[in-house]
N, C-alpha and C. Protein backbone atom coordinates (compact mmCIF):
# COMPACT_ATOMS: atom_id res chain seq x y z
N MET A 1 14.74 -32.80 31.31
CA MET A 1 13.84 -33.78 31.90
C MET A 1 13.06 -33.19 33.06
N ASN A 2 13.68 -32.28 33.80
CA ASN A 2 12.97 -31.64 34.90
C ASN A 2 11.78 -30.82 34.42
N TYR A 3 11.87 -30.31 33.19
CA TYR A 3 10.76 -29.53 32.65
C TYR A 3 9.52 -30.40 32.52
N LEU A 4 9.70 -31.61 32.04
CA LEU A 4 8.57 -32.53 31.89
C LEU A 4 7.96 -32.87 33.25
N LEU A 5 8.79 -33.12 34.24
CA LEU A 5 8.28 -33.40 35.59
C LEU A 5 7.57 -32.19 36.17
N ASP A 6 8.11 -31.01 35.92
CA ASP A 6 7.46 -29.78 36.39
C ASP A 6 6.06 -29.64 35.79
N ILE A 7 5.95 -29.94 34.52
CA ILE A 7 4.64 -29.85 33.85
C ILE A 7 3.69 -30.89 34.42
N LEU A 8 4.17 -32.13 34.57
CA LEU A 8 3.32 -33.20 35.06
C LEU A 8 2.89 -33.00 36.52
N ASN A 9 3.69 -32.28 37.29
CA ASN A 9 3.37 -32.02 38.69
C ASN A 9 2.65 -30.70 38.91
N ASN A 10 2.35 -29.99 37.85
CA ASN A 10 1.70 -28.69 37.95
C ASN A 10 0.18 -28.89 38.04
N LYS A 11 -0.39 -28.62 39.21
CA LYS A 11 -1.83 -28.84 39.39
C LYS A 11 -2.67 -27.96 38.48
N PHE A 12 -2.11 -26.84 38.04
CA PHE A 12 -2.84 -25.95 37.13
C PHE A 12 -2.95 -26.55 35.73
N ILE A 13 -2.18 -27.59 35.48
CA ILE A 13 -2.27 -28.32 34.22
C ILE A 13 -3.01 -29.64 34.40
N TYR A 14 -2.57 -30.45 35.37
CA TYR A 14 -3.14 -31.80 35.44
C TYR A 14 -4.57 -31.84 35.97
N ILE A 15 -4.96 -30.94 36.85
CA ILE A 15 -6.34 -30.98 37.35
C ILE A 15 -7.35 -30.64 36.25
N PRO A 16 -7.18 -29.54 35.50
CA PRO A 16 -8.11 -29.30 34.39
C PRO A 16 -8.11 -30.42 33.34
N ILE A 17 -6.95 -31.01 33.08
CA ILE A 17 -6.90 -32.11 32.11
C ILE A 17 -7.66 -33.32 32.64
N LEU A 18 -7.52 -33.62 33.92
CA LEU A 18 -8.27 -34.73 34.51
C LEU A 18 -9.77 -34.45 34.50
N VAL A 19 -10.15 -33.21 34.76
CA VAL A 19 -11.58 -32.83 34.69
C VAL A 19 -12.10 -33.10 33.29
N TRP A 20 -11.35 -32.64 32.29
CA TRP A 20 -11.75 -32.87 30.89
C TRP A 20 -11.88 -34.37 30.61
N PHE A 21 -10.88 -35.15 31.01
CA PHE A 21 -10.88 -36.59 30.74
C PHE A 21 -12.09 -37.27 31.38
N PHE A 22 -12.37 -36.97 32.63
CA PHE A 22 -13.49 -37.62 33.32
C PHE A 22 -14.84 -37.22 32.72
N ILE A 23 -15.00 -35.96 32.35
CA ILE A 23 -16.26 -35.54 31.74
C ILE A 23 -16.43 -36.18 30.37
N GLN A 24 -15.38 -36.19 29.57
CA GLN A 24 -15.50 -36.81 28.24
C GLN A 24 -15.73 -38.32 28.37
N SER A 25 -15.10 -38.96 29.35
CA SER A 25 -15.34 -40.39 29.59
C SER A 25 -16.79 -40.63 30.00
N PHE A 26 -17.32 -39.75 30.85
CA PHE A 26 -18.72 -39.84 31.25
C PHE A 26 -19.63 -39.77 30.02
N LYS A 27 -19.31 -38.87 29.08
CA LYS A 27 -20.13 -38.73 27.87
C LYS A 27 -20.09 -40.00 27.03
N VAL A 28 -18.92 -40.65 26.95
CA VAL A 28 -18.81 -41.90 26.20
C VAL A 28 -19.69 -42.97 26.85
N ILE A 29 -19.60 -43.09 28.16
CA ILE A 29 -20.40 -44.09 28.89
C ILE A 29 -21.89 -43.79 28.77
N TRP A 30 -22.25 -42.52 28.92
CA TRP A 30 -23.67 -42.12 28.82
C TRP A 30 -24.20 -42.45 27.42
N ASP A 31 -23.40 -42.16 26.40
CA ASP A 31 -23.80 -42.44 25.02
C ASP A 31 -23.94 -43.95 24.80
N LEU A 32 -23.03 -44.73 25.40
CA LEU A 32 -23.10 -46.18 25.29
C LEU A 32 -24.38 -46.72 25.92
N VAL A 33 -24.74 -46.20 27.08
CA VAL A 33 -25.96 -46.64 27.76
C VAL A 33 -27.20 -46.23 26.94
N ALA A 34 -27.17 -45.00 26.43
CA ALA A 34 -28.34 -44.48 25.70
C ALA A 34 -28.54 -45.14 24.35
N THR A 35 -27.45 -45.39 23.61
CA THR A 35 -27.57 -45.89 22.24
C THR A 35 -27.22 -47.36 22.09
N LYS A 36 -26.64 -47.95 23.14
CA LYS A 36 -26.16 -49.34 23.11
C LYS A 36 -25.05 -49.53 22.07
N LYS A 37 -24.40 -48.42 21.70
CA LYS A 37 -23.28 -48.47 20.74
C LYS A 37 -22.11 -47.70 21.34
N PHE A 38 -20.91 -48.26 21.18
CA PHE A 38 -19.71 -47.59 21.67
C PHE A 38 -19.24 -46.60 20.61
N ASN A 39 -19.18 -45.33 20.98
CA ASN A 39 -18.77 -44.27 20.07
C ASN A 39 -17.53 -43.59 20.64
N PHE A 40 -16.35 -44.07 20.25
CA PHE A 40 -15.10 -43.53 20.78
C PHE A 40 -14.91 -42.06 20.38
N LYS A 41 -15.56 -41.63 19.29
CA LYS A 41 -15.43 -40.24 18.85
C LYS A 41 -15.93 -39.26 19.92
N ARG A 42 -16.79 -39.73 20.82
CA ARG A 42 -17.31 -38.86 21.89
C ARG A 42 -16.21 -38.40 22.84
N ILE A 43 -15.13 -39.18 22.95
CA ILE A 43 -14.06 -38.79 23.88
C ILE A 43 -13.41 -37.49 23.44
N LEU A 44 -13.35 -37.23 22.16
CA LEU A 44 -12.77 -35.99 21.65
C LEU A 44 -13.81 -35.02 21.12
N GLY A 45 -15.05 -35.47 21.01
CA GLY A 45 -16.09 -34.63 20.42
C GLY A 45 -16.55 -33.51 21.34
N ALA A 46 -17.08 -32.49 20.72
CA ALA A 46 -17.60 -31.34 21.45
C ALA A 46 -19.10 -31.50 21.67
N GLY A 47 -19.63 -30.72 22.58
CA GLY A 47 -21.06 -30.73 22.83
C GLY A 47 -21.47 -31.77 23.85
N GLY A 48 -22.70 -31.67 24.28
CA GLY A 48 -23.25 -32.63 25.22
C GLY A 48 -23.18 -32.15 26.66
N MET A 49 -23.83 -32.94 27.52
CA MET A 49 -23.93 -32.62 28.95
C MET A 49 -22.92 -33.42 29.73
N PRO A 50 -22.18 -32.77 30.60
CA PRO A 50 -22.00 -31.33 30.79
C PRO A 50 -20.90 -30.80 29.88
N SER A 51 -20.74 -29.51 29.85
CA SER A 51 -19.70 -28.88 29.03
C SER A 51 -18.33 -29.08 29.67
N SER A 52 -17.49 -29.86 29.01
CA SER A 52 -16.13 -30.05 29.53
C SER A 52 -15.32 -28.77 29.35
N HIS A 53 -15.63 -28.00 28.31
CA HIS A 53 -14.94 -26.71 28.12
C HIS A 53 -15.15 -25.82 29.35
N SER A 54 -16.39 -25.72 29.78
CA SER A 54 -16.71 -24.88 30.93
C SER A 54 -16.06 -25.41 32.20
N ALA A 55 -16.08 -26.72 32.37
CA ALA A 55 -15.48 -27.31 33.58
C ALA A 55 -13.98 -27.08 33.62
N VAL A 56 -13.31 -27.21 32.48
CA VAL A 56 -11.86 -27.02 32.43
C VAL A 56 -11.49 -25.58 32.78
N VAL A 57 -12.13 -24.62 32.11
CA VAL A 57 -11.73 -23.22 32.34
C VAL A 57 -12.13 -22.73 33.72
N THR A 58 -13.25 -23.19 34.26
CA THR A 58 -13.62 -22.73 35.60
C THR A 58 -12.76 -23.40 36.68
N SER A 59 -12.39 -24.67 36.48
CA SER A 59 -11.50 -25.30 37.47
C SER A 59 -10.16 -24.58 37.48
N LEU A 60 -9.64 -24.24 36.32
CA LEU A 60 -8.38 -23.51 36.25
C LEU A 60 -8.50 -22.13 36.89
N THR A 61 -9.59 -21.44 36.63
CA THR A 61 -9.80 -20.10 37.19
C THR A 61 -9.88 -20.14 38.71
N VAL A 62 -10.60 -21.12 39.25
CA VAL A 62 -10.71 -21.24 40.70
C VAL A 62 -9.36 -21.59 41.32
N LEU A 63 -8.63 -22.51 40.70
CA LEU A 63 -7.30 -22.85 41.20
C LEU A 63 -6.39 -21.62 41.23
N ILE A 64 -6.43 -20.84 40.18
CA ILE A 64 -5.61 -19.62 40.12
C ILE A 64 -6.07 -18.61 41.16
N GLY A 65 -7.37 -18.45 41.31
CA GLY A 65 -7.90 -17.51 42.31
C GLY A 65 -7.49 -17.89 43.72
N LYS A 66 -7.53 -19.19 44.03
CA LYS A 66 -7.11 -19.64 45.36
C LYS A 66 -5.62 -19.44 45.57
N SER A 67 -4.83 -19.64 44.53
CA SER A 67 -3.38 -19.57 44.66
C SER A 67 -2.84 -18.13 44.60
N GLU A 68 -3.35 -17.36 43.68
CA GLU A 68 -2.78 -16.03 43.41
C GLU A 68 -3.62 -14.88 43.97
N GLY A 69 -4.84 -15.18 44.36
CA GLY A 69 -5.73 -14.14 44.87
C GLY A 69 -6.67 -13.63 43.80
N LEU A 70 -7.85 -13.23 44.25
CA LEU A 70 -8.87 -12.76 43.32
C LEU A 70 -8.55 -11.39 42.73
N ASP A 71 -7.58 -10.71 43.31
CA ASP A 71 -7.21 -9.40 42.78
C ASP A 71 -5.96 -9.45 41.91
N SER A 72 -5.49 -10.64 41.58
CA SER A 72 -4.27 -10.77 40.78
C SER A 72 -4.57 -10.63 39.29
N PRO A 73 -3.61 -10.13 38.52
CA PRO A 73 -3.81 -10.03 37.07
C PRO A 73 -4.01 -11.39 36.40
N ILE A 74 -3.34 -12.43 36.87
CA ILE A 74 -3.48 -13.74 36.24
C ILE A 74 -4.87 -14.32 36.50
N PHE A 75 -5.46 -14.03 37.67
CA PHE A 75 -6.83 -14.47 37.92
C PHE A 75 -7.78 -13.73 36.98
N ALA A 76 -7.57 -12.43 36.82
CA ALA A 76 -8.41 -11.64 35.91
C ALA A 76 -8.33 -12.19 34.49
N LEU A 77 -7.12 -12.50 34.04
CA LEU A 77 -6.94 -13.08 32.71
C LEU A 77 -7.69 -14.40 32.58
N SER A 78 -7.55 -15.27 33.57
CA SER A 78 -8.21 -16.56 33.54
C SER A 78 -9.73 -16.42 33.59
N PHE A 79 -10.21 -15.49 34.41
CA PHE A 79 -11.66 -15.27 34.52
C PHE A 79 -12.25 -14.81 33.19
N ILE A 80 -11.61 -13.83 32.56
CA ILE A 80 -12.09 -13.33 31.26
C ILE A 80 -12.00 -14.42 30.20
N PHE A 81 -10.93 -15.18 30.21
CA PHE A 81 -10.77 -16.30 29.29
C PHE A 81 -11.91 -17.31 29.48
N ALA A 82 -12.24 -17.62 30.72
CA ALA A 82 -13.33 -18.56 31.01
C ALA A 82 -14.67 -18.02 30.49
N MET A 83 -14.91 -16.74 30.68
CA MET A 83 -16.16 -16.15 30.19
C MET A 83 -16.26 -16.24 28.67
N VAL A 84 -15.16 -15.98 27.98
CA VAL A 84 -15.15 -16.05 26.52
C VAL A 84 -15.39 -17.48 26.04
N VAL A 85 -14.73 -18.43 26.67
CA VAL A 85 -14.90 -19.84 26.29
C VAL A 85 -16.35 -20.28 26.50
N MET A 86 -16.92 -19.93 27.63
CA MET A 86 -18.31 -20.36 27.91
C MET A 86 -19.30 -19.65 27.01
N TYR A 87 -19.06 -18.39 26.72
CA TYR A 87 -19.94 -17.67 25.78
C TYR A 87 -19.86 -18.32 24.41
N ASP A 88 -18.65 -18.63 23.98
CA ASP A 88 -18.46 -19.27 22.68
C ASP A 88 -19.14 -20.63 22.63
N ALA A 89 -19.02 -21.42 23.70
CA ALA A 89 -19.62 -22.76 23.73
C ALA A 89 -21.13 -22.71 23.61
N ALA A 90 -21.75 -21.75 24.29
CA ALA A 90 -23.22 -21.66 24.30
C ALA A 90 -23.75 -20.77 23.19
N GLY A 91 -22.88 -19.97 22.58
CA GLY A 91 -23.35 -19.03 21.57
C GLY A 91 -22.91 -19.41 20.18
N VAL A 92 -21.68 -19.07 19.85
CA VAL A 92 -21.17 -19.22 18.49
C VAL A 92 -21.16 -20.68 18.05
N ARG A 93 -20.57 -21.56 18.87
CA ARG A 93 -20.48 -22.97 18.48
C ARG A 93 -21.85 -23.63 18.44
N ARG A 94 -22.74 -23.24 19.32
CA ARG A 94 -24.09 -23.81 19.30
C ARG A 94 -24.81 -23.39 18.04
N ALA A 95 -24.66 -22.13 17.64
CA ALA A 95 -25.27 -21.65 16.40
C ALA A 95 -24.70 -22.39 15.19
N ALA A 96 -23.40 -22.63 15.19
CA ALA A 96 -22.78 -23.38 14.09
C ALA A 96 -23.34 -24.79 14.02
N GLY A 97 -23.60 -25.41 15.16
CA GLY A 97 -24.20 -26.74 15.18
C GLY A 97 -25.61 -26.75 14.62
N LYS A 98 -26.38 -25.71 14.94
CA LYS A 98 -27.74 -25.59 14.39
C LYS A 98 -27.69 -25.41 12.87
N GLN A 99 -26.74 -24.61 12.39
CA GLN A 99 -26.59 -24.42 10.95
C GLN A 99 -26.18 -25.71 10.27
N ALA A 100 -25.29 -26.47 10.90
CA ALA A 100 -24.87 -27.76 10.33
C ALA A 100 -26.07 -28.71 10.23
N HIS A 101 -26.93 -28.71 11.24
CA HIS A 101 -28.13 -29.56 11.21
C HIS A 101 -29.02 -29.18 10.03
N LEU A 102 -29.25 -27.90 9.85
CA LEU A 102 -30.09 -27.42 8.75
C LEU A 102 -29.46 -27.76 7.40
N LEU A 103 -28.17 -27.55 7.25
CA LEU A 103 -27.50 -27.88 5.99
C LEU A 103 -27.56 -29.37 5.70
N ASN A 104 -27.39 -30.20 6.72
CA ASN A 104 -27.51 -31.65 6.52
C ASN A 104 -28.91 -32.02 6.03
N LYS A 105 -29.94 -31.38 6.58
CA LYS A 105 -31.32 -31.65 6.14
C LYS A 105 -31.51 -31.24 4.69
N ILE A 106 -30.99 -30.08 4.33
CA ILE A 106 -31.13 -29.58 2.95
C ILE A 106 -30.46 -30.53 1.97
N ILE A 107 -29.25 -30.95 2.29
CA ILE A 107 -28.50 -31.83 1.40
C ILE A 107 -29.16 -33.19 1.27
N GLU A 108 -29.79 -33.67 2.35
CA GLU A 108 -30.40 -35.00 2.33
C GLU A 108 -31.79 -35.02 1.71
N THR A 109 -32.38 -33.86 1.46
CA THR A 109 -33.71 -33.80 0.88
C THR A 109 -33.62 -34.11 -0.61
N PRO A 110 -34.27 -35.19 -1.04
CA PRO A 110 -34.19 -35.60 -2.45
C PRO A 110 -34.75 -34.51 -3.38
N GLY A 111 -34.01 -34.26 -4.46
CA GLY A 111 -34.47 -33.32 -5.47
C GLY A 111 -34.28 -31.85 -5.13
N LEU A 112 -33.86 -31.55 -3.92
CA LEU A 112 -33.71 -30.15 -3.51
C LEU A 112 -32.38 -29.57 -3.97
N THR A 113 -31.36 -30.41 -3.99
CA THR A 113 -30.04 -29.93 -4.40
C THR A 113 -29.28 -31.06 -5.09
N ASN A 114 -28.36 -30.70 -5.94
CA ASN A 114 -27.52 -31.68 -6.62
C ASN A 114 -26.14 -31.79 -5.99
N VAL A 115 -25.99 -31.23 -4.82
CA VAL A 115 -24.71 -31.24 -4.14
C VAL A 115 -24.43 -32.64 -3.60
N GLU A 116 -23.23 -33.14 -3.93
CA GLU A 116 -22.81 -34.43 -3.39
C GLU A 116 -21.84 -34.18 -2.23
N VAL A 117 -22.13 -34.83 -1.11
CA VAL A 117 -21.33 -34.63 0.09
C VAL A 117 -20.75 -35.97 0.52
N GLN A 118 -19.47 -35.95 0.87
CA GLN A 118 -18.81 -37.18 1.31
C GLN A 118 -19.22 -37.58 2.72
N GLU A 119 -19.44 -36.58 3.57
CA GLU A 119 -19.81 -36.88 4.96
C GLU A 119 -20.71 -35.77 5.49
N ARG A 120 -21.49 -36.10 6.49
CA ARG A 120 -22.37 -35.13 7.12
C ARG A 120 -21.56 -34.13 7.94
N LEU A 121 -22.09 -32.94 8.07
CA LEU A 121 -21.47 -31.94 8.94
C LEU A 121 -21.72 -32.32 10.39
N VAL A 122 -20.78 -32.01 11.26
CA VAL A 122 -20.92 -32.28 12.68
C VAL A 122 -21.94 -31.30 13.26
N GLU A 123 -22.97 -31.85 13.90
CA GLU A 123 -24.05 -31.01 14.41
C GLU A 123 -23.90 -30.68 15.89
N VAL A 124 -23.24 -31.54 16.64
CA VAL A 124 -23.10 -31.32 18.08
C VAL A 124 -21.78 -30.59 18.31
N LEU A 125 -21.82 -29.29 18.21
CA LEU A 125 -20.62 -28.48 18.37
C LEU A 125 -20.62 -27.69 19.66
N GLY A 126 -21.78 -27.18 20.00
CA GLY A 126 -21.86 -26.28 21.15
C GLY A 126 -22.67 -26.88 22.28
N HIS A 127 -23.07 -26.00 23.19
CA HIS A 127 -23.78 -26.42 24.39
C HIS A 127 -24.99 -25.53 24.64
N THR A 128 -25.96 -26.11 25.31
CA THR A 128 -27.07 -25.30 25.80
C THR A 128 -26.56 -24.53 27.02
N PRO A 129 -27.26 -23.46 27.39
CA PRO A 129 -26.84 -22.75 28.60
C PRO A 129 -26.80 -23.66 29.83
N LEU A 130 -27.73 -24.60 29.95
CA LEU A 130 -27.73 -25.52 31.10
C LEU A 130 -26.47 -26.39 31.10
N GLN A 131 -26.05 -26.88 29.94
CA GLN A 131 -24.85 -27.70 29.86
C GLN A 131 -23.61 -26.90 30.29
N VAL A 132 -23.58 -25.61 29.92
CA VAL A 132 -22.47 -24.74 30.31
C VAL A 132 -22.50 -24.50 31.82
N ILE A 133 -23.67 -24.25 32.37
CA ILE A 133 -23.80 -24.01 33.82
C ILE A 133 -23.38 -25.24 34.62
N VAL A 134 -23.83 -26.42 34.19
CA VAL A 134 -23.45 -27.65 34.90
C VAL A 134 -21.95 -27.88 34.80
N GLY A 135 -21.37 -27.69 33.62
CA GLY A 135 -19.92 -27.84 33.46
C GLY A 135 -19.16 -26.85 34.33
N ALA A 136 -19.61 -25.60 34.35
CA ALA A 136 -18.95 -24.58 35.17
C ALA A 136 -19.06 -24.94 36.65
N THR A 137 -20.20 -25.43 37.07
CA THR A 137 -20.39 -25.83 38.46
C THR A 137 -19.43 -26.95 38.85
N ILE A 138 -19.29 -27.94 37.97
CA ILE A 138 -18.35 -29.03 38.24
C ILE A 138 -16.93 -28.47 38.35
N GLY A 139 -16.56 -27.57 37.45
CA GLY A 139 -15.24 -26.97 37.48
C GLY A 139 -14.98 -26.19 38.76
N ILE A 140 -15.98 -25.44 39.20
CA ILE A 140 -15.84 -24.67 40.44
C ILE A 140 -15.65 -25.60 41.63
N ILE A 141 -16.46 -26.65 41.69
CA ILE A 141 -16.37 -27.60 42.81
C ILE A 141 -14.99 -28.27 42.81
N VAL A 142 -14.54 -28.74 41.66
CA VAL A 142 -13.22 -29.40 41.58
C VAL A 142 -12.13 -28.42 41.98
N GLY A 143 -12.20 -27.19 41.49
CA GLY A 143 -11.20 -26.18 41.84
C GLY A 143 -11.16 -25.88 43.34
N LEU A 144 -12.33 -25.88 43.97
CA LEU A 144 -12.39 -25.62 45.41
C LEU A 144 -11.86 -26.80 46.22
N ILE A 145 -12.10 -28.02 45.73
CA ILE A 145 -11.65 -29.20 46.46
C ILE A 145 -10.13 -29.34 46.42
N PHE A 146 -9.54 -29.06 45.27
CA PHE A 146 -8.10 -29.24 45.12
C PHE A 146 -7.46 -27.90 45.32
């Protein structure tokens, strides 16, 4: 039982999770205001402004840097991990989202293909560089405050 309490009291776990929760909740509310429709899938969905992925990894990296020092191996690991996650969010996943958009258009064009699809591909997978920068900025600020 102490293990569970240790995990729940670990700021290196609960602060990034809270950052993720608040950003994803913001996206749900923003989507509700913009579309006048409640889309609960946004709470778990990827993409959009700001990048919760970037905010989570940068808040964790800053927390580790403050606690362990900028010259520690664990900070280096966290920093490199954050860079990979943010590169992936703005690069690979964004490209996959663009490809999904194009494939959806091809499939929906009458007479172009005989492929039957049960559901559309998810198009909002990645982030623009601005969305990553804003998410990273939020993560840095949260990490510095706590």
